[in-house]
């Protein structure tokens, strides 16, 4: 019987990734989070000025690498 099966399950997701890979994934996630928050703070008129609508925000986020 394993003493900490939950911890192994959580960290098992990262098995095979280097520390740099994990940092890159975190950085990408954080960049998307910040971009989403900043775009959501804009008014509809400001979004229109940059050629976006509110419904475009998730598409922009999903295309970020």
PDB file of N, CA and C in Angstrom:
ATOM      1  N   UNK A   1       0.839  -1.181   0.000  1.00  0.00           N
ATOM      2  CA  UNK A   1       0.000   0.000   0.000  1.00  0.00           C
ATOM      3  C   UNK A   1       0.882   1.243   0.000  1.00  0.00           C
ATOM      4  N   UNK A   2       0.549   2.190  -0.833  1.00  0.00           N
ATOM      5  CA  UNK A   2       1.314   3.428  -0.911  1.00  0.00           C
ATOM      6  C   UNK A   2       0.882   4.374   0.193  1.00  0.00           C
ATOM      7  N   UNK A   3       1.862   5.094   0.744  1.00  0.00           N
ATOM      8  CA  UNK A   3       1.523   5.997   1.836  1.00  0.00           C
ATOM      9  C   UNK A   3       0.912   7.302   1.339  1.00  0.00           C
ATOM     10  N   UNK A   4       1.263   7.721   0.106  1.00  0.00           N
ATOM     11  CA  UNK A   4       0.713   8.965  -0.430  1.00  0.00           C
ATOM     12  C   UNK A   4       0.292   8.791  -1.896  1.00  0.00           C
ATOM     13  N   UNK A   5      -0.744   8.038  -2.132  1.00  0.00           N
ATOM     14  CA  UNK A   5      -1.139   7.806  -3.527  1.00  0.00           C
ATOM     15  C   UNK A   5      -1.639   9.071  -4.221  1.00  0.00           C
ATOM     16  N   UNK A   6      -2.283   9.960  -3.478  1.00  0.00           N
ATOM     17  CA  UNK A   6      -2.809  11.184  -4.091  1.00  0.00           C
ATOM     18  C   UNK A   6      -1.677  12.059  -4.606  1.00  0.00           C
ATOM     19  N   UNK A   7      -0.637  12.229  -3.823  1.00  0.00           N
ATOM     20  CA  UNK A   7       0.493  13.070  -4.238  1.00  0.00           C
ATOM     21  C   UNK A   7       1.149  12.502  -5.490  1.00  0.00           C
ATOM     22  N   UNK A   8       1.301  11.200  -5.549  1.00  0.00           N
ATOM     23  CA  UNK A   8       1.901  10.592  -6.735  1.00  0.00           C
ATOM     24  C   UNK A   8       1.017  10.792  -7.948  1.00  0.00           C
ATOM     25  N   UNK A   9      -0.282  10.718  -7.764  1.00  0.00           N
ATOM     26  CA  UNK A   9      -1.203  10.929  -8.877  1.00  0.00           C
ATOM     27  C   UNK A   9      -1.124  12.337  -9.419  1.00  0.00           C
ATOM     28  N   UNK A  10      -1.023  13.298  -8.544  1.00  0.00           N
ATOM     29  CA  UNK A  10      -0.938  14.697  -8.960  1.00  0.00           C
ATOM     30  C   UNK A  10       0.372  14.962  -9.667  1.00  0.00           C
ATOM     31  N   UNK A  11       1.477  14.543  -9.076  1.00  0.00           N
ATOM     32  CA  UNK A  11       2.783  14.832  -9.648  1.00  0.00           C
ATOM     33  C   UNK A  11       3.145  13.885 -10.782  1.00  0.00           C
ATOM     34  N   UNK A  12       2.436  12.780 -10.899  1.00  0.00           N
ATOM     35  CA  UNK A  12       2.676  11.861 -11.995  1.00  0.00           C
ATOM     36  C   UNK A  12       2.381  12.483 -13.353  1.00  0.00           C
ATOM     37  N   UNK A  13       1.532  13.494 -13.367  1.00  0.00           N
ATOM     38  CA  UNK A  13       1.213  14.205 -14.603  1.00  0.00           C
ATOM     39  C   UNK A  13       2.467  14.814 -15.205  1.00  0.00           C
ATOM     40  N   UNK A  14       3.409  15.244 -14.355  1.00  0.00           N
ATOM     41  CA  UNK A  14       4.613  15.923 -14.808  1.00  0.00           C
ATOM     42  C   UNK A  14       5.781  14.972 -15.078  1.00  0.00           C
ATOM     43  N   UNK A  15       5.577  13.694 -14.899  1.00  0.00           N
ATOM     44  CA  UNK A  15       6.646  12.731 -15.134  1.00  0.00           C
ATOM     45  C   UNK A  15       7.061  12.802 -16.600  1.00  0.00           C
ATOM     46  N   UNK A  16       8.354  12.881 -16.847  1.00  0.00           N
ATOM     47  CA  UNK A  16       8.861  12.962 -18.208  1.00  0.00           C
ATOM     48  C   UNK A  16       9.094  14.380 -18.695  1.00  0.00           C
ATOM     49  N   UNK A  17       8.687  15.363 -17.899  1.00  0.00           N
ATOM     50  CA  UNK A  17       8.911  16.757 -18.256  1.00  0.00           C
ATOM     51  C   UNK A  17      10.101  17.292 -17.479  1.00  0.00           C
ATOM     52  N   UNK A  18      10.880  18.133 -18.111  1.00  0.00           N
ATOM     53  CA  UNK A  18      11.983  18.772 -17.398  1.00  0.00           C
ATOM     54  C   UNK A  18      11.433  19.943 -16.589  1.00  0.00           C
ATOM     55  N   UNK A  19      12.233  20.432 -15.683  1.00  0.00           N
ATOM     56  CA  UNK A  19      11.838  21.588 -14.885  1.00  0.00           C
ATOM     57  C   UNK A  19      11.548  22.774 -15.799  1.00  0.00           C
ATOM     58  N   UNK A  20      12.344  22.950 -16.843  1.00  0.00           N
ATOM     59  CA  UNK A  20      12.138  24.056 -17.792  1.00  0.00           C
ATOM     60  C   UNK A  20      10.794  23.918 -18.510  1.00  0.00           C
ATOM     61  N   UNK A  21      10.398  22.688 -18.832  1.00  0.00           N
ATOM     62  CA  UNK A  21       9.098  22.457 -19.474  1.00  0.00           C
ATOM     63  C   UNK A  21       7.957  22.866 -18.554  1.00  0.00           C
ATOM     64  N   UNK A  22       8.072  22.501 -17.291  1.00  0.00           N
ATOM     65  CA  UNK A  22       7.031  22.833 -16.317  1.00  0.00           C
ATOM     66  C   UNK A  22       6.940  24.341 -16.141  1.00  0.00           C
ATOM     67  N   UNK A  23       8.079  25.017 -16.073  1.00  0.00           N
ATOM     68  CA  UNK A  23       8.093  26.477 -15.954  1.00  0.00           C
ATOM     69  C   UNK A  23       7.456  27.108 -17.189  1.00  0.00           C
ATOM     70  N   UNK A  24       7.754  26.585 -18.378  1.00  0.00           N
ATOM     71  CA  UNK A  24       7.185  27.124 -19.618  1.00  0.00           C
ATOM     72  C   UNK A  24       5.666  26.971 -19.642  1.00  0.00           C
ATOM     73  N   UNK A  25       5.168  25.830 -19.178  1.00  0.00           N
ATOM     74  CA  UNK A  25       3.720  25.611 -19.117  1.00  0.00           C
ATOM     75  C   UNK A  25       3.085  26.603 -18.154  1.00  0.00           C
ATOM     76  N   UNK A  26       3.700  26.790 -17.000  1.00  0.00           N
ATOM     77  CA  UNK A  26       3.178  27.739 -16.023  1.00  0.00           C
ATOM     78  C   UNK A  26       3.193  29.157 -16.584  1.00  0.00           C
ATOM     79  N   UNK A  27       4.279  29.547 -17.259  1.00  0.00           N
ATOM     80  CA  UNK A  27       4.389  30.894 -17.818  1.00  0.00           C
ATOM     81  C   UNK A  27       3.313  31.132 -18.875  1.00  0.00           C
ATOM     82  N   UNK A  28       3.087  30.153 -19.734  1.00  0.00           N
ATOM     83  CA  UNK A  28       2.048  30.275 -20.757  1.00  0.00           C
ATOM     84  C   UNK A  28       0.678  30.423 -20.109  1.00  0.00           C
ATOM     85  N   UNK A  29       0.390  29.590 -19.106  1.00  0.00           N
ATOM     86  CA  UNK A  29      -0.886  29.676 -18.392  1.00  0.00           C
ATOM     87  C   UNK A  29      -1.056  31.059 -17.776  1.00  0.00           C
ATOM     88  N   UNK A  30       0.000  31.581 -17.144  1.00  0.00           N
ATOM     89  CA  UNK A  30      -0.081  32.880 -16.488  1.00  0.00           C
ATOM     90  C   UNK A  30      -0.249  34.008 -17.509  1.00  0.00           C
ATOM     91  N   UNK A  31       0.456  33.936 -18.629  1.00  0.00           N
ATOM     92  CA  UNK A  31       0.302  34.944 -19.684  1.00  0.00           C
ATOM     93  C   UNK A  31      -1.133  34.974 -20.202  1.00  0.00           C
ATOM     94  N   UNK A  32      -1.724  33.792 -20.388  1.00  0.00           N
ATOM     95  CA  UNK A  32      -3.114  33.719 -20.842  1.00  0.00           C
ATOM     96  C   UNK A  32      -4.059  34.301 -19.794  1.00  0.00           C
ATOM     97  N   UNK A  33      -3.808  34.006 -18.545  1.00  0.00           N
ATOM     98  CA  UNK A  33      -4.646  34.511 -17.455  1.00  0.00           C
ATOM     99  C   UNK A  33      -4.613  36.035 -17.419  1.00  0.00           C
ATOM    100  N   UNK A  34      -3.418  36.607 -17.527  1.00  0.00           N
ATOM    101  CA  UNK A  34      -3.265  38.060 -17.483  1.00  0.00           C
ATOM    102  C   UNK A  34      -3.915  38.708 -18.706  1.00  0.00           C
ATOM    103  N   UNK A  35      -3.687  38.134 -19.883  1.00  0.00           N
ATOM    104  CA  UNK A  35      -4.272  38.681 -21.110  1.00  0.00           C
ATOM    105  C   UNK A  35      -5.790  38.653 -21.048  1.00  0.00           C
ATOM    106  N   UNK A  36      -6.353  37.528 -20.580  1.00  0.00           N
ATOM    107  CA  UNK A  36      -7.808  37.414 -20.443  1.00  0.00           C
ATOM    108  C   UNK A  36      -8.346  38.492 -19.507  1.00  0.00           C
ATOM    109  N   UNK A  37      -7.688  38.692 -18.388  1.00  0.00           N
ATOM    110  CA  UNK A  37      -8.133  39.695 -17.416  1.00  0.00           C
ATOM    111  C   UNK A  37      -8.062  41.099 -18.008  1.00  0.00           C
ATOM    112  N   UNK A  38      -6.975  41.403 -18.722  1.00  0.00           N
ATOM    113  CA  UNK A  38      -6.825  42.735 -19.304  1.00  0.00           C
ATOM    114  C   UNK A  38      -7.856  42.984 -20.399  1.00  0.00           C
ATOM    115  N   UNK A  39      -8.095  41.998 -21.249  1.00  0.00           N
ATOM    116  CA  UNK A  39      -9.099  42.174 -22.297  1.00  0.00           C
ATOM    117  C   UNK A  39     -10.500  42.305 -21.708  1.00  0.00           C
ATOM    118  N   UNK A  40     -10.788  41.554 -20.661  1.00  0.00           N
ATOM    119  CA  UNK A  40     -12.104  41.647 -20.030  1.00  0.00           C
ATOM    120  C   UNK A  40     -12.327  42.987 -19.342  1.00  0.00           C
ATOM    121  N   UNK A  41     -11.246  43.692 -19.002  1.00  0.00           N
ATOM    122  CA  UNK A  41     -11.380  45.006 -18.368  1.00  0.00           C
ATOM    123  C   UNK A  41     -11.716  46.099 -19.384  1.00  0.00           C
ATOM    124  N   UNK A  42     -11.471  45.847 -20.670  1.00  0.00           N
ATOM    125  CA  UNK A  42     -11.755  46.847 -21.694  1.00  0.00           C
ATOM    126  C   UNK A  42     -13.259  46.955 -21.934  1.00  0.00           C
ATOM    127  N   UNK A  43     -13.687  48.160 -22.306  1.00  0.00           N
ATOM    128  CA  UNK A  43     -15.096  48.351 -22.662  1.00  0.00           C
ATOM    129  C   UNK A  43     -15.335  47.775 -24.055  1.00  0.00           C
ATOM    130  N   UNK A  44     -16.599  47.615 -24.417  1.00  0.00           N
ATOM    131  CA  UNK A  44     -16.922  47.113 -25.748  1.00  0.00           C
ATOM    132  C   UNK A  44     -16.370  48.046 -26.827  1.00  0.00           C
ATOM    133  N   UNK A  45     -16.393  49.334 -26.580  1.00  0.00           N
ATOM    134  CA  UNK A  45     -15.862  50.295 -27.552  1.00  0.00           C
ATOM    135  C   UNK A  45     -14.344  50.139 -27.698  1.00  0.00           C
ATOM    136  N   UNK A  46     -13.653  49.969 -26.579  1.00  0.00           N
ATOM    137  CA  UNK A  46     -12.198  49.780 -26.644  1.00  0.00           C
ATOM    138  C   UNK A  46     -11.842  48.489 -27.380  1.00  0.00           C
ATOM    139  N   UNK A  47     -12.609  47.437 -27.133  1.00  0.00           N
ATOM    140  CA  UNK A  47     -12.384  46.187 -27.860  1.00  0.00           C
ATOM    141  C   UNK A  47     -12.618  46.389 -29.355  1.00  0.00           C
ATOM    142  N   UNK A  48     -13.680  47.126 -29.699  1.00  0.00           N
ATOM    143  CA  UNK A  48     -13.974  47.406 -31.102  1.00  0.00           C
ATOM    144  C   UNK A  48     -12.837  48.194 -31.750  1.00  0.00           C
ATOM    145  N   UNK A  49     -12.224  49.098 -30.996  1.00  0.00           N
ATOM    146  CA  UNK A  49     -11.101  49.886 -31.519  1.00  0.00           C
ATOM    147  C   UNK A  49      -9.920  49.007 -31.931  1.00  0.00           C
ATOM    148  N   UNK A  50      -9.746  47.879 -31.267  1.00  0.00           N
ATOM    149  CA  UNK A  50      -8.637  46.980 -31.620  1.00  0.00           C
ATOM    150  C   UNK A  50      -9.121  45.789 -32.461  1.00  0.00           C
ATOM    151  N   UNK A  51     -10.353  45.896 -32.949  1.00  0.00           N
ATOM    152  CA  UNK A  51     -10.876  44.888 -33.867  1.00  0.00           C
ATOM    153  C   UNK A  51     -11.378  43.622 -33.215  1.00  0.00           C
ATOM    154  N   UNK A  52     -11.768  43.704 -31.954  1.00  0.00           N
ATOM    155  CA  UNK A  52     -12.269  42.527 -31.238  1.00  0.00           C
ATOM    156  C   UNK A  52     -13.656  42.788 -30.688  1.00  0.00           C
ATOM    157  N   UNK A  53     -14.364  41.721 -30.420  1.00  0.00           N
ATOM    158  CA  UNK A  53     -15.603  41.806 -29.655  1.00  0.00           C
ATOM    159  C   UNK A  53     -15.414  40.933 -28.419  1.00  0.00           C
ATOM    160  N   UNK A  54     -16.323  41.051 -27.488  1.00  0.00           N
ATOM    161  CA  UNK A  54     -16.205  40.285 -26.255  1.00  0.00           C
ATOM    162  C   UNK A  54     -16.164  38.778 -26.540  1.00  0.00           C
ATOM    163  N   UNK A  55     -16.884  38.363 -27.565  1.00  0.00           N
ATOM    164  CA  UNK A  55     -16.907  36.930 -27.903  1.00  0.00           C
ATOM    165  C   UNK A  55     -15.601  36.449 -28.537  1.00  0.00           C
ATOM    166  N   UNK A  56     -14.736  37.366 -28.949  1.00  0.00           N
ATOM    167  CA  UNK A  56     -13.446  36.995 -29.548  1.00  0.00           C
ATOM    168  C   UNK A  56     -12.373  36.692 -28.504  1.00  0.00           C
ATOM    169  N   UNK A  57     -12.591  37.083 -27.269  1.00  0.00           N
ATOM    170  CA  UNK A  57     -11.534  37.009 -26.258  1.00  0.00           C
ATOM    171  C   UNK A  57     -11.018  35.584 -26.078  1.00  0.00           C
ATOM    172  N   UNK A  58     -11.898  34.621 -25.911  1.00  0.00           N
ATOM    173  CA  UNK A  58     -11.443  33.239 -25.692  1.00  0.00           C
ATOM    174  C   UNK A  58     -10.699  32.700 -26.904  1.00  0.00           C
ATOM    175  N   UNK A  59     -11.093  33.114 -28.104  1.00  0.00           N
ATOM    176  CA  UNK A  59     -10.374  32.696 -29.306  1.00  0.00           C
ATOM    177  C   UNK A  59      -8.957  33.241 -29.338  1.00  0.00           C
ATOM    178  N   UNK A  60      -8.809  34.495 -28.925  1.00  0.00           N
ATOM    179  CA  UNK A  60      -7.480  35.107 -28.851  1.00  0.00           C
ATOM    180  C   UNK A  60      -6.626  34.343 -27.850  1.00  0.00           C
ATOM    181  N   UNK A  61      -7.198  34.038 -26.702  1.00  0.00           N
ATOM    182  CA  UNK A  61      -6.472  33.323 -25.648  1.00  0.00           C
ATOM    183  C   UNK A  61      -6.060  31.933 -26.134  1.00  0.00           C
ATOM    184  N   UNK A  62      -6.952  31.241 -26.813  1.00  0.00           N
ATOM    185  CA  UNK A  62      -6.643  29.870 -27.247  1.00  0.00           C
ATOM    186  C   UNK A  62      -5.549  29.830 -28.311  1.00  0.00           C
ATOM    187  N   UNK A  63      -5.357  30.921 -29.050  1.00  0.00           N
ATOM    188  CA  UNK A  63      -4.305  30.952 -30.072  1.00  0.00           C
ATOM    189  C   UNK A  63      -2.946  31.340 -29.507  1.00  0.00           C
ATOM    190  N   UNK A  64      -2.894  31.748 -28.252  1.00  0.00           N
ATOM    191  CA  UNK A  64      -1.607  32.081 -27.635  1.00  0.00           C
ATOM    192  C   UNK A  64      -0.832  30.784 -27.415  1.00  0.00           C
ATOM    193  N   UNK A  65       0.477  30.821 -27.674  1.00  0.00           N
ATOM    194  CA  UNK A  65       1.263  29.591 -27.482  1.00  0.00           C
ATOM    195  C   UNK A  65       1.915  29.555 -26.130  1.00  0.00           C
TER     196      UNK A  65
END
